[in-house]
Amino acid sequence: MMKKHLKRAERALDVGSGCGYMTVCMAKMMPVKSTVIGIEHVQQLVNDSIENVSKHHKYFLDSKKIQFVCNDGREGYAIGGPYDVIYIGAGTCLFIFLIQSN
């Protein structure tokens, strides 16, 4: 279901990006000149994400197609928005309501 939206998306947000796996999956489905921002509130997970992506998809980081930020994603991440797609890997209904404005 998400793939059809990602195929034409310019900007996407991965909330609770963890190890970076879903962020890479999203980037692979999106057009060449697009951006996925992975937001994670644990700095060590951000560091791990960058390390993981660097192993096999470093070009996504070098081209800025994938960017990781350490921040509290419960209210989204307006700095990189607006987003065509927001994937919430760690959320609740209240959480989804809070980020709808992004």
N, C-alpha and C. Protein backbone atom coordinates (compact mmCIF):
# COMPACT_ATOMS: atom_id res chain seq x y z
N MET A 1 0.81 -1.19 0.00
CA MET A 1 0.00 0.00 0.00
C MET A 1 0.86 1.27 0.00
N MET A 2 1.91 1.27 0.79
CA MET A 2 2.77 2.45 0.87
C MET A 2 3.57 2.64 -0.42
N LYS A 3 3.89 1.57 -1.12
CA LYS A 3 4.72 1.64 -2.31
C LYS A 3 4.13 2.58 -3.37
N LYS A 4 2.83 2.51 -3.58
CA LYS A 4 2.22 3.36 -4.63
C LYS A 4 2.38 4.85 -4.29
N HIS A 5 2.41 5.19 -3.02
CA HIS A 5 2.60 6.58 -2.62
C HIS A 5 4.07 6.98 -2.69
N LEU A 6 4.95 6.05 -2.33
CA LEU A 6 6.38 6.34 -2.36
C LEU A 6 6.91 6.51 -3.77
N LYS A 7 6.32 5.84 -4.73
CA LYS A 7 6.80 5.90 -6.12
C LYS A 7 6.81 7.30 -6.69
N ARG A 8 5.94 8.16 -6.14
CA ARG A 8 5.90 9.55 -6.65
C ARG A 8 6.20 10.59 -5.55
N ALA A 9 6.65 10.13 -4.42
CA ALA A 9 6.92 11.03 -3.29
C ALA A 9 8.26 11.74 -3.43
N GLU A 10 8.29 12.99 -3.02
CA GLU A 10 9.53 13.76 -3.00
C GLU A 10 10.16 13.76 -1.62
N ARG A 11 9.32 13.71 -0.57
CA ARG A 11 9.80 13.77 0.81
C ARG A 11 9.03 12.75 1.64
N ALA A 12 9.78 12.02 2.45
CA ALA A 12 9.15 11.04 3.34
C ALA A 12 9.82 11.09 4.70
N LEU A 13 9.06 10.71 5.72
CA LEU A 13 9.55 10.71 7.09
C LEU A 13 9.34 9.32 7.67
N ASP A 14 10.39 8.77 8.26
CA ASP A 14 10.34 7.48 8.94
C ASP A 14 10.48 7.75 10.43
N VAL A 15 9.37 7.71 11.16
CA VAL A 15 9.37 8.02 12.59
C VAL A 15 9.67 6.74 13.37
N GLY A 16 10.69 6.80 14.19
CA GLY A 16 11.14 5.61 14.91
C GLY A 16 11.96 4.74 13.99
N SER A 17 12.97 5.34 13.35
CA SER A 17 13.71 4.68 12.27
C SER A 17 14.60 3.53 12.73
N GLY A 18 14.83 3.41 14.04
CA GLY A 18 15.56 2.26 14.57
C GLY A 18 16.90 2.03 13.89
N CYS A 19 17.07 0.86 13.30
CA CYS A 19 18.35 0.48 12.67
C CYS A 19 18.49 1.02 11.25
N GLY A 20 17.44 1.63 10.69
CA GLY A 20 17.51 2.21 9.36
C GLY A 20 16.98 1.33 8.25
N TYR A 21 16.54 0.12 8.58
CA TYR A 21 16.08 -0.82 7.54
C TYR A 21 14.92 -0.26 6.73
N MET A 22 13.87 0.20 7.40
CA MET A 22 12.70 0.71 6.67
C MET A 22 13.03 1.98 5.92
N THR A 23 13.93 2.78 6.46
CA THR A 23 14.34 4.01 5.78
C THR A 23 14.96 3.68 4.43
N VAL A 24 15.79 2.65 4.38
CA VAL A 24 16.41 2.21 3.12
C VAL A 24 15.33 1.67 2.18
N CYS A 25 14.43 0.87 2.69
CA CYS A 25 13.34 0.33 1.86
C CYS A 25 12.55 1.46 1.21
N MET A 26 12.24 2.48 1.99
CA MET A 26 11.50 3.62 1.48
C MET A 26 12.29 4.33 0.39
N ALA A 27 13.57 4.55 0.64
CA ALA A 27 14.43 5.25 -0.33
C ALA A 27 14.49 4.49 -1.65
N LYS A 28 14.53 3.17 -1.58
CA LYS A 28 14.60 2.36 -2.80
C LYS A 28 13.32 2.46 -3.63
N MET A 29 12.19 2.71 -2.99
CA MET A 29 10.91 2.81 -3.71
C MET A 29 10.64 4.21 -4.26
N MET A 30 11.41 5.19 -3.80
CA MET A 30 11.15 6.57 -4.17
C MET A 30 11.95 7.00 -5.40
N PRO A 31 11.50 8.09 -6.06
CA PRO A 31 12.24 8.61 -7.21
C PRO A 31 13.68 9.00 -6.84
N VAL A 32 14.52 9.13 -7.84
CA VAL A 32 15.94 9.42 -7.64
C VAL A 32 16.14 10.69 -6.82
N LYS A 33 15.48 11.75 -7.18
CA LYS A 33 15.68 13.04 -6.49
C LYS A 33 14.62 13.22 -5.41
N SER A 34 14.71 12.39 -4.40
CA SER A 34 13.78 12.45 -3.28
C SER A 34 14.58 12.30 -1.99
N THR A 35 13.91 12.52 -0.87
CA THR A 35 14.58 12.46 0.42
C THR A 35 13.73 11.72 1.44
N VAL A 36 14.40 10.88 2.23
CA VAL A 36 13.76 10.21 3.35
C VAL A 36 14.51 10.64 4.62
N ILE A 37 13.78 11.13 5.58
CA ILE A 37 14.38 11.49 6.86
C ILE A 37 13.96 10.45 7.89
N GLY A 38 14.95 9.82 8.50
CA GLY A 38 14.70 8.88 9.59
C GLY A 38 14.90 9.62 10.89
N ILE A 39 13.88 9.62 11.73
CA ILE A 39 13.99 10.31 13.02
C ILE A 39 13.91 9.27 14.14
N GLU A 40 14.85 9.39 15.05
CA GLU A 40 14.96 8.43 16.16
C GLU A 40 15.37 9.21 17.39
N HIS A 41 14.80 8.88 18.54
CA HIS A 41 15.11 9.66 19.75
C HIS A 41 16.31 9.13 20.53
N VAL A 42 16.87 8.01 20.10
CA VAL A 42 18.05 7.43 20.78
C VAL A 42 19.28 7.64 19.87
N GLN A 43 20.24 8.44 20.35
CA GLN A 43 21.41 8.77 19.53
C GLN A 43 22.17 7.53 19.08
N GLN A 44 22.30 6.53 19.93
CA GLN A 44 23.02 5.31 19.54
C GLN A 44 22.35 4.62 18.37
N LEU A 45 21.01 4.64 18.32
CA LEU A 45 20.31 4.05 17.18
C LEU A 45 20.54 4.86 15.90
N VAL A 46 20.62 6.17 16.03
CA VAL A 46 20.96 7.01 14.87
C VAL A 46 22.35 6.63 14.36
N ASN A 47 23.31 6.51 15.28
CA ASN A 47 24.68 6.12 14.91
C ASN A 47 24.68 4.75 14.24
N ASP A 48 23.94 3.81 14.81
CA ASP A 48 23.85 2.46 14.24
C ASP A 48 23.23 2.50 12.84
N SER A 49 22.19 3.33 12.67
CA SER A 49 21.55 3.47 11.36
C SER A 49 22.54 3.94 10.30
N ILE A 50 23.29 4.95 10.64
CA ILE A 50 24.27 5.49 9.70
C ILE A 50 25.31 4.42 9.37
N GLU A 51 25.76 3.70 10.36
CA GLU A 51 26.73 2.63 10.14
C GLU A 51 26.13 1.52 9.27
N ASN A 52 24.91 1.12 9.56
CA ASN A 52 24.26 0.06 8.78
C ASN A 52 24.07 0.47 7.33
N VAL A 53 23.57 1.67 7.10
CA VAL A 53 23.32 2.13 5.73
C VAL A 53 24.63 2.31 4.99
N SER A 54 25.67 2.74 5.68
CA SER A 54 26.98 2.94 5.06
C SER A 54 27.56 1.64 4.48
N LYS A 55 27.21 0.52 5.06
CA LYS A 55 27.78 -0.77 4.62
C LYS A 55 27.38 -1.14 3.19
N HIS A 56 26.11 -0.92 2.83
CA HIS A 56 25.64 -1.37 1.52
C HIS A 56 24.95 -0.29 0.68
N HIS A 57 24.64 0.84 1.29
CA HIS A 57 23.90 1.89 0.57
C HIS A 57 24.47 3.27 0.88
N LYS A 58 25.77 3.37 0.95
CA LYS A 58 26.43 4.62 1.31
C LYS A 58 26.03 5.77 0.38
N TYR A 59 25.75 5.44 -0.86
CA TYR A 59 25.38 6.47 -1.84
C TYR A 59 24.09 7.20 -1.41
N PHE A 60 23.21 6.53 -0.67
CA PHE A 60 22.01 7.20 -0.16
C PHE A 60 22.38 8.29 0.85
N LEU A 61 23.38 8.02 1.66
CA LEU A 61 23.83 9.03 2.63
C LEU A 61 24.62 10.13 1.94
N ASP A 62 25.51 9.75 1.03
CA ASP A 62 26.33 10.74 0.32
C ASP A 62 25.49 11.71 -0.49
N SER A 63 24.42 11.20 -1.10
CA SER A 63 23.55 12.03 -1.93
C SER A 63 22.49 12.77 -1.12
N LYS A 64 22.43 12.50 0.18
CA LYS A 64 21.44 13.08 1.09
C LYS A 64 20.02 12.57 0.80
N LYS A 65 19.92 11.48 0.04
CA LYS A 65 18.60 10.88 -0.17
C LYS A 65 18.08 10.35 1.16
N ILE A 66 18.98 9.83 1.99
CA ILE A 66 18.63 9.42 3.35
C ILE A 66 19.37 10.31 4.33
N GLN A 67 18.63 10.82 5.30
CA GLN A 67 19.20 11.61 6.38
C GLN A 67 18.62 11.08 7.69
N PHE A 68 19.46 10.98 8.70
CA PHE A 68 19.01 10.56 10.02
C PHE A 68 19.18 11.69 11.00
N VAL A 69 18.19 11.89 11.86
CA VAL A 69 18.27 12.91 12.89
C VAL A 69 17.87 12.31 14.23
N CYS A 70 18.50 12.81 15.28
CA CYS A 70 18.15 12.41 16.63
C CYS A 70 17.24 13.49 17.20
N ASN A 71 15.98 13.11 17.40
CA ASN A 71 15.00 14.06 17.89
C ASN A 71 13.78 13.27 18.37
N ASP A 72 12.94 13.91 19.14
CA ASP A 72 11.71 13.28 19.60
C ASP A 72 10.69 13.36 18.47
N GLY A 73 10.38 12.23 17.86
CA GLY A 73 9.49 12.21 16.71
C GLY A 73 8.02 12.21 17.05
N ARG A 74 7.66 12.31 18.32
CA ARG A 74 6.25 12.25 18.70
C ARG A 74 5.43 13.41 18.13
N GLU A 75 6.11 14.48 17.76
CA GLU A 75 5.40 15.60 17.12
C GLU A 75 5.84 15.76 15.67
N GLY A 76 6.41 14.71 15.10
CA GLY A 76 6.86 14.78 13.73
C GLY A 76 8.22 15.46 13.63
N TYR A 77 8.49 16.00 12.47
CA TYR A 77 9.75 16.72 12.22
C TYR A 77 9.49 17.75 11.14
N ALA A 78 8.94 18.88 11.53
CA ALA A 78 8.50 19.91 10.59
C ALA A 78 9.63 20.50 9.77
N ILE A 79 10.85 20.46 10.28
CA ILE A 79 12.00 21.06 9.58
C ILE A 79 12.15 20.51 8.16
N GLY A 80 11.93 19.22 7.97
CA GLY A 80 12.09 18.61 6.65
C GLY A 80 10.82 18.53 5.84
N GLY A 81 9.71 18.98 6.40
CA GLY A 81 8.42 18.84 5.73
C GLY A 81 8.13 19.95 4.75
N PRO A 82 6.99 19.90 4.14
CA PRO A 82 5.95 18.90 4.32
C PRO A 82 6.33 17.57 3.67
N TYR A 83 5.71 16.49 4.14
CA TYR A 83 6.02 15.15 3.67
C TYR A 83 4.88 14.58 2.84
N ASP A 84 5.25 13.83 1.82
CA ASP A 84 4.25 13.13 1.02
C ASP A 84 3.84 11.83 1.70
N VAL A 85 4.78 11.23 2.44
CA VAL A 85 4.53 9.98 3.14
C VAL A 85 5.17 10.06 4.52
N ILE A 86 4.43 9.63 5.54
CA ILE A 86 4.98 9.50 6.89
C ILE A 86 4.74 8.08 7.34
N TYR A 87 5.82 7.36 7.63
CA TYR A 87 5.73 5.99 8.14
C TYR A 87 6.04 6.03 9.63
N ILE A 88 5.16 5.45 10.42
CA ILE A 88 5.36 5.45 11.86
C ILE A 88 5.61 4.03 12.32
N GLY A 89 6.87 3.73 12.62
CA GLY A 89 7.24 2.41 13.07
C GLY A 89 7.10 2.24 14.56
N ALA A 90 6.90 3.33 15.26
CA ALA A 90 6.75 3.28 16.72
C ALA A 90 5.72 4.32 17.10
N GLY A 91 4.44 3.96 17.10
CA GLY A 91 3.44 4.98 17.39
C GLY A 91 2.14 4.44 17.92
N THR A 92 1.30 5.39 18.30
CA THR A 92 -0.04 5.09 18.78
C THR A 92 -1.00 6.04 18.09
N CYS A 93 -2.27 5.87 18.31
CA CYS A 93 -3.26 6.77 17.69
C CYS A 93 -3.03 8.22 18.12
N LEU A 94 -2.73 8.44 19.40
CA LEU A 94 -2.46 9.80 19.87
C LEU A 94 -1.24 10.37 19.16
N PHE A 95 -0.23 9.55 19.01
CA PHE A 95 0.99 9.95 18.33
C PHE A 95 0.70 10.37 16.90
N ILE A 96 -0.10 9.59 16.20
CA ILE A 96 -0.45 9.90 14.81
C ILE A 96 -1.19 11.24 14.75
N PHE A 97 -2.09 11.47 15.67
CA PHE A 97 -2.83 12.73 15.72
C PHE A 97 -1.88 13.92 15.88
N LEU A 98 -0.87 13.79 16.73
CA LEU A 98 0.05 14.89 16.98
C LEU A 98 0.86 15.29 15.76
N ILE A 99 1.20 14.34 14.89
CA ILE A 99 2.06 14.68 13.76
C ILE A 99 1.28 14.98 12.48
N GLN A 100 -0.02 14.93 12.51
CA GLN A 100 -0.79 15.20 11.30
C GLN A 100 -0.51 16.57 10.71
N SER A 101 -0.11 17.51 11.51
CA SER A 101 0.17 18.85 11.01
C SER A 101 1.44 18.92 10.17
N ASN A 102 2.27 17.88 10.20
CA ASN A 102 3.49 17.86 9.39
C ASN A 102 3.14 17.52 7.97
